[in-house]
Amino acid sequence: MVNKLSEKSTEIRLNIHETKYGQTSAWSASSKLGAKQIYDEKLFKALFNEIEVEVKRREAMKK
């Protein structure tokens, strides 16, 4: 979720889930078997770093 707070400030909320899909039987279609929320600090830092790099790249393209 992205919320623009002002002309120079934006709030970003990011939720990461790991979901497993598979078949419960030979006759069933693929279905969601389970999901869990991810709280890995290194993963979040890496994702926010990538977001920041992309934002700066787009800002540079506007100039």
PDB file of N, CA and C in Angstrom:
ATOM      1  N   MET A   1       0.845  -1.161   0.000  1.00  0.00           N
ATOM      2  CA  MET A   1       0.000   0.000   0.000  1.00  0.00           C
ATOM      3  C   MET A   1       0.899   1.235   0.000  1.00  0.00           C
ATOM      4  N   VAL A   2       0.588   2.186  -0.818  1.00  0.00           N
ATOM      5  CA  VAL A   2       1.353   3.428  -0.923  1.00  0.00           C
ATOM      6  C   VAL A   2       0.415   4.600  -0.668  1.00  0.00           C
ATOM      7  N   ASN A   3       0.793   5.472   0.279  1.00  0.00           N
ATOM      8  CA  ASN A   3       0.012   6.664   0.585  1.00  0.00           C
ATOM      9  C   ASN A   3       0.898   7.887   0.431  1.00  0.00           C
ATOM     10  N   LYS A   4       0.472   8.822  -0.396  1.00  0.00           N
ATOM     11  CA  LYS A   4       1.209  10.075  -0.540  1.00  0.00           C
ATOM     12  C   LYS A   4       0.810  10.991   0.610  1.00  0.00           C
ATOM     13  N   LEU A   5       1.775  11.320   1.467  1.00  0.00           N
ATOM     14  CA  LEU A   5       1.499  12.145   2.637  1.00  0.00           C
ATOM     15  C   LEU A   5       1.627  13.633   2.326  1.00  0.00           C
ATOM     16  N   SER A   6       2.589  13.967   1.469  1.00  0.00           N
ATOM     17  CA  SER A   6       2.793  15.352   1.043  1.00  0.00           C
ATOM     18  C   SER A   6       3.537  15.318  -0.284  1.00  0.00           C
ATOM     19  N   GLU A   7       3.938  16.484  -0.753  1.00  0.00           N
ATOM     20  CA  GLU A   7       4.654  16.557  -2.029  1.00  0.00           C
ATOM     21  C   GLU A   7       6.003  15.843  -1.977  1.00  0.00           C
ATOM     22  N   LYS A   8       6.600  15.751  -0.790  1.00  0.00           N
ATOM     23  CA  LYS A   8       7.927  15.145  -0.647  1.00  0.00           C
ATOM     24  C   LYS A   8       7.937  13.895   0.235  1.00  0.00           C
ATOM     25  N   SER A   9       6.781  13.423   0.635  1.00  0.00           N
ATOM     26  CA  SER A   9       6.747  12.307   1.575  1.00  0.00           C
ATOM     27  C   SER A   9       5.680  11.280   1.192  1.00  0.00           C
ATOM     28  N   THR A  10       6.088  10.020   1.193  1.00  0.00           N
ATOM     29  CA  THR A  10       5.184   8.921   0.871  1.00  0.00           C
ATOM     30  C   THR A  10       5.363   7.808   1.899  1.00  0.00           C
ATOM     31  N   GLU A  11       4.272   7.209   2.301  1.00  0.00           N
ATOM     32  CA  GLU A  11       4.302   6.091   3.242  1.00  0.00           C
ATOM     33  C   GLU A  11       4.052   4.802   2.460  1.00  0.00           C
ATOM     34  N   ILE A  12       4.881   3.782   2.728  1.00  0.00           N
ATOM     35  CA  ILE A  12       4.747   2.495   2.054  1.00  0.00           C
ATOM     36  C   ILE A  12       4.538   1.410   3.096  1.00  0.00           C
ATOM     37  N   ARG A  13       3.536   0.584   2.869  1.00  0.00           N
ATOM     38  CA  ARG A  13       3.283  -0.563   3.739  1.00  0.00           C
ATOM     39  C   ARG A  13       3.401  -1.813   2.880  1.00  0.00           C
ATOM     40  N   LEU A  14       4.194  -2.767   3.351  1.00  0.00           N
ATOM     41  CA  LEU A  14       4.481  -3.958   2.572  1.00  0.00           C
ATOM     42  C   LEU A  14       4.255  -5.193   3.438  1.00  0.00           C
ATOM     43  N   ASN A  15       3.418  -6.093   2.967  1.00  0.00           N
ATOM     44  CA  ASN A  15       3.190  -7.378   3.631  1.00  0.00           C
ATOM     45  C   ASN A  15       3.677  -8.484   2.712  1.00  0.00           C
ATOM     46  N   ILE A  16       4.409  -9.434   3.275  1.00  0.00           N
ATOM     47  CA  ILE A  16       4.932 -10.541   2.485  1.00  0.00           C
ATOM     48  C   ILE A  16       4.393 -11.839   3.062  1.00  0.00           C
ATOM     49  N   HIS A  17       3.795 -12.653   2.191  1.00  0.00           N
ATOM     50  CA  HIS A  17       3.271 -13.960   2.588  1.00  0.00           C
ATOM     51  C   HIS A  17       3.906 -15.050   1.745  1.00  0.00           C
ATOM     52  N   GLU A  18       4.173 -16.162   2.357  1.00  0.00           N
ATOM     53  CA  GLU A  18       4.613 -17.354   1.633  1.00  0.00           C
ATOM     54  C   GLU A  18       3.401 -18.279   1.557  1.00  0.00           C
ATOM     55  N   THR A  19       3.033 -18.653   0.349  1.00  0.00           N
ATOM     56  CA  THR A  19       1.867 -19.503   0.142  1.00  0.00           C
ATOM     57  C   THR A  19       2.281 -20.761  -0.605  1.00  0.00           C
ATOM     58  N   LYS A  20       1.806 -21.894  -0.129  1.00  0.00           N
ATOM     59  CA  LYS A  20       2.081 -23.163  -0.799  1.00  0.00           C
ATOM     60  C   LYS A  20       0.831 -23.622  -1.527  1.00  0.00           C
ATOM     61  N   TYR A  21       1.033 -24.046  -2.773  1.00  0.00           N
ATOM     62  CA  TYR A  21      -0.059 -24.545  -3.590  1.00  0.00           C
ATOM     63  C   TYR A  21       0.232 -25.990  -3.961  1.00  0.00           C
ATOM     64  N   GLY A  22      -0.801 -26.754  -4.141  1.00  0.00           N
ATOM     65  CA  GLY A  22      -0.619 -28.132  -4.551  1.00  0.00           C
ATOM     66  C   GLY A  22      -1.960 -28.823  -4.682  1.00  0.00           C
ATOM     67  N   GLN A  23      -1.914 -30.121  -4.838  1.00  0.00           N
ATOM     68  CA  GLN A  23      -3.137 -30.909  -4.978  1.00  0.00           C
ATOM     69  C   GLN A  23      -3.334 -31.741  -3.726  1.00  0.00           C
ATOM     70  N   THR A  24      -4.552 -31.744  -3.223  1.00  0.00           N
ATOM     71  CA  THR A  24      -4.849 -32.544  -2.037  1.00  0.00           C
ATOM     72  C   THR A  24      -5.157 -33.986  -2.411  1.00  0.00           C
ATOM     73  N   SER A  25      -5.530 -34.212  -3.684  1.00  0.00           N
ATOM     74  CA  SER A  25      -5.756 -35.577  -4.159  1.00  0.00           C
ATOM     75  C   SER A  25      -5.535 -35.607  -5.669  1.00  0.00           C
ATOM     76  N   ALA A  26      -5.507 -36.771  -6.235  1.00  0.00           N
ATOM     77  CA  ALA A  26      -5.290 -36.921  -7.675  1.00  0.00           C
ATOM     78  C   ALA A  26      -6.429 -36.318  -8.488  1.00  0.00           C
ATOM     79  N   TRP A  27      -7.627 -36.186  -7.900  1.00  0.00           N
ATOM     80  CA  TRP A  27      -8.811 -35.694  -8.627  1.00  0.00           C
ATOM     81  C   TRP A  27      -9.092 -34.218  -8.393  1.00  0.00           C
ATOM     82  N   SER A  28      -8.336 -33.593  -7.526  1.00  0.00           N
ATOM     83  CA  SER A  28      -8.621 -32.184  -7.234  1.00  0.00           C
ATOM     84  C   SER A  28      -7.716 -31.264  -8.040  1.00  0.00           C
ATOM     85  N   ALA A  29      -8.179 -30.068  -8.229  1.00  0.00           N
ATOM     86  CA  ALA A  29      -7.372 -29.047  -8.910  1.00  0.00           C
ATOM     87  C   ALA A  29      -6.351 -28.492  -7.919  1.00  0.00           C
ATOM     88  N   SER A  30      -5.425 -27.729  -8.419  1.00  0.00           N
ATOM     89  CA  SER A  30      -4.426 -27.107  -7.552  1.00  0.00           C
ATOM     90  C   SER A  30      -5.131 -26.148  -6.599  1.00  0.00           C
ATOM     91  N   SER A  31      -4.767 -26.209  -5.331  1.00  0.00           N
ATOM     92  CA  SER A  31      -5.405 -25.341  -4.348  1.00  0.00           C
ATOM     93  C   SER A  31      -4.377 -24.846  -3.339  1.00  0.00           C
ATOM     94  N   LYS A  32      -4.773 -23.821  -2.605  1.00  0.00           N
ATOM     95  CA  LYS A  32      -3.921 -23.224  -1.585  1.00  0.00           C
ATOM     96  C   LYS A  32      -3.851 -24.172  -0.390  1.00  0.00           C
ATOM     97  N   LEU A  33      -2.653 -24.612  -0.043  1.00  0.00           N
ATOM     98  CA  LEU A  33      -2.491 -25.560   1.055  1.00  0.00           C
ATOM     99  C   LEU A  33      -2.127 -24.879   2.368  1.00  0.00           C
ATOM    100  N   GLY A  34      -1.544 -23.717   2.297  1.00  0.00           N
ATOM    101  CA  GLY A  34      -1.170 -23.015   3.522  1.00  0.00           C
ATOM    102  C   GLY A  34      -0.462 -21.724   3.209  1.00  0.00           C
ATOM    103  N   ALA A  35      -0.509 -20.792   4.154  1.00  0.00           N
ATOM    104  CA  ALA A  35       0.144 -19.501   3.985  1.00  0.00           C
ATOM    105  C   ALA A  35       0.658 -19.042   5.336  1.00  0.00           C
ATOM    106  N   LYS A  36       1.778 -18.317   5.295  1.00  0.00           N
ATOM    107  CA  LYS A  36       2.293 -17.723   6.524  1.00  0.00           C
ATOM    108  C   LYS A  36       2.891 -16.366   6.191  1.00  0.00           C
ATOM    109  N   GLN A  37       2.808 -15.461   7.152  1.00  0.00           N
ATOM    110  CA  GLN A  37       3.369 -14.135   6.957  1.00  0.00           C
ATOM    111  C   GLN A  37       4.873 -14.195   7.224  1.00  0.00           C
ATOM    112  N   ILE A  38       5.645 -13.449   6.443  1.00  0.00           N
ATOM    113  CA  ILE A  38       7.096 -13.429   6.550  1.00  0.00           C
ATOM    114  C   ILE A  38       7.513 -12.174   7.320  1.00  0.00           C
ATOM    115  N   TYR A  39       8.400 -12.344   8.305  1.00  0.00           N
ATOM    116  CA  TYR A  39       8.889 -11.234   9.120  1.00  0.00           C
ATOM    117  C   TYR A  39      10.411 -11.092   9.034  1.00  0.00           C
ATOM    118  N   ASP A  40      11.023 -11.520   7.935  1.00  0.00           N
ATOM    119  CA  ASP A  40      12.474 -11.511   7.775  1.00  0.00           C
ATOM    120  C   ASP A  40      12.980 -10.086   7.555  1.00  0.00           C
ATOM    121  N   GLU A  41      13.702  -9.555   8.529  1.00  0.00           N
ATOM    122  CA  GLU A  41      14.174  -8.173   8.475  1.00  0.00           C
ATOM    123  C   GLU A  41      15.098  -7.931   7.279  1.00  0.00           C
ATOM    124  N   LYS A  42      15.973  -8.878   6.967  1.00  0.00           N
ATOM    125  CA  LYS A  42      16.890  -8.722   5.834  1.00  0.00           C
ATOM    126  C   LYS A  42      16.120  -8.644   4.517  1.00  0.00           C
ATOM    127  N   LEU A  43      15.078  -9.447   4.382  1.00  0.00           N
ATOM    128  CA  LEU A  43      14.265  -9.430   3.173  1.00  0.00           C
ATOM    129  C   LEU A  43      13.574  -8.082   3.007  1.00  0.00           C
ATOM    130  N   PHE A  44      12.971  -7.565   4.089  1.00  0.00           N
ATOM    131  CA  PHE A  44      12.303  -6.268   4.024  1.00  0.00           C
ATOM    132  C   PHE A  44      13.281  -5.149   3.678  1.00  0.00           C
ATOM    133  N   LYS A  45      14.475  -5.164   4.294  1.00  0.00           N
ATOM    134  CA  LYS A  45      15.471  -4.133   3.991  1.00  0.00           C
ATOM    135  C   LYS A  45      15.885  -4.194   2.527  1.00  0.00           C
ATOM    136  N   ALA A  46      16.068  -5.401   2.000  1.00  0.00           N
ATOM    137  CA  ALA A  46      16.453  -5.557   0.595  1.00  0.00           C
ATOM    138  C   ALA A  46      15.351  -5.042  -0.329  1.00  0.00           C
ATOM    139  N   LEU A  47      14.109  -5.365  -0.021  1.00  0.00           N
ATOM    140  CA  LEU A  47      12.994  -4.896  -0.863  1.00  0.00           C
ATOM    141  C   LEU A  47      12.848  -3.382  -0.823  1.00  0.00           C
ATOM    142  N   PHE A  48      12.937  -2.797   0.379  1.00  0.00           N
ATOM    143  CA  PHE A  48      12.821  -1.344   0.483  1.00  0.00           C
ATOM    144  C   PHE A  48      14.003  -0.653  -0.196  1.00  0.00           C
ATOM    145  N   ASN A  49      15.181  -1.269  -0.162  1.00  0.00           N
ATOM    146  CA  ASN A  49      16.327  -0.716  -0.872  1.00  0.00           C
ATOM    147  C   ASN A  49      16.052  -0.700  -2.379  1.00  0.00           C
ATOM    148  N   GLU A  50      15.507  -1.791  -2.903  1.00  0.00           N
ATOM    149  CA  GLU A  50      15.175  -1.848  -4.328  1.00  0.00           C
ATOM    150  C   GLU A  50      14.120  -0.811  -4.695  1.00  0.00           C
ATOM    151  N   ILE A  51      13.138  -0.623  -3.830  1.00  0.00           N
ATOM    152  CA  ILE A  51      12.101   0.389  -4.068  1.00  0.00           C
ATOM    153  C   ILE A  51      12.730   1.782  -4.092  1.00  0.00           C
ATOM    154  N   GLU A  52      13.615   2.056  -3.136  1.00  0.00           N
ATOM    155  CA  GLU A  52      14.269   3.361  -3.076  1.00  0.00           C
ATOM    156  C   GLU A  52      15.120   3.620  -4.318  1.00  0.00           C
ATOM    157  N   VAL A  53      15.845   2.623  -4.773  1.00  0.00           N
ATOM    158  CA  VAL A  53      16.657   2.767  -5.987  1.00  0.00           C
ATOM    159  C   VAL A  53      15.763   3.077  -7.184  1.00  0.00           C
ATOM    160  N   GLU A  54      14.647   2.382  -7.308  1.00  0.00           N
ATOM    161  CA  GLU A  54      13.734   2.609  -8.429  1.00  0.00           C
ATOM    162  C   GLU A  54      13.107   3.996  -8.371  1.00  0.00           C
ATOM    163  N   VAL A  55      12.738   4.453  -7.185  1.00  0.00           N
ATOM    164  CA  VAL A  55      12.170   5.798  -7.036  1.00  0.00           C
ATOM    165  C   VAL A  55      13.194   6.849  -7.469  1.00  0.00           C
ATOM    166  N   LYS A  56      14.422   6.692  -7.014  1.00  0.00           N
ATOM    167  CA  LYS A  56      15.466   7.657  -7.388  1.00  0.00           C
ATOM    168  C   LYS A  56      15.756   7.609  -8.894  1.00  0.00           C
ATOM    169  N   ARG A  57      15.719   6.421  -9.488  1.00  0.00           N
ATOM    170  CA  ARG A  57      15.939   6.282 -10.929  1.00  0.00           C
ATOM    171  C   ARG A  57      14.856   7.033 -11.698  1.00  0.00           C
ATOM    172  N   ARG A  58      13.606   6.886 -11.257  1.00  0.00           N
ATOM    173  CA  ARG A  58      12.496   7.568 -11.948  1.00  0.00           C
ATOM    174  C   ARG A  58      12.563   9.076 -11.751  1.00  0.00           C
ATOM    175  N   GLU A  59      12.980   9.509 -10.551  1.00  0.00           N
ATOM    176  CA  GLU A  59      13.131  10.952 -10.320  1.00  0.00           C
ATOM    177  C   GLU A  59      14.194  11.519 -11.256  1.00  0.00           C
ATOM    178  N   ALA A  60      15.293  10.794 -11.438  1.00  0.00           N
ATOM    179  CA  ALA A  60      16.377  11.254 -12.312  1.00  0.00           C
ATOM    180  C   ALA A  60      15.915  11.342 -13.764  1.00  0.00           C
ATOM    181  N   MET A  61      15.019  10.452 -14.164  1.00  0.00           N
ATOM    182  CA  MET A  61      14.509  10.463 -15.546  1.00  0.00           C
ATOM    183  C   MET A  61      13.635  11.682 -15.815  1.00  0.00           C
ATOM    184  N   LYS A  62      13.000  12.231 -14.792  1.00  0.00           N
ATOM    185  CA  LYS A  62      12.119  13.397 -14.948  1.00  0.00           C
ATOM    186  C   LYS A  62      12.902  14.675 -15.197  1.00  0.00           C
ATOM    187  N   LYS A  63      14.162  14.707 -14.787  1.00  0.00           N
ATOM    188  CA  LYS A  63      14.958  15.950 -14.892  1.00  0.00           C
ATOM    189  C   LYS A  63      15.461  16.181 -16.270  1.00  0.00           C
TER     190      LYS A  63
END
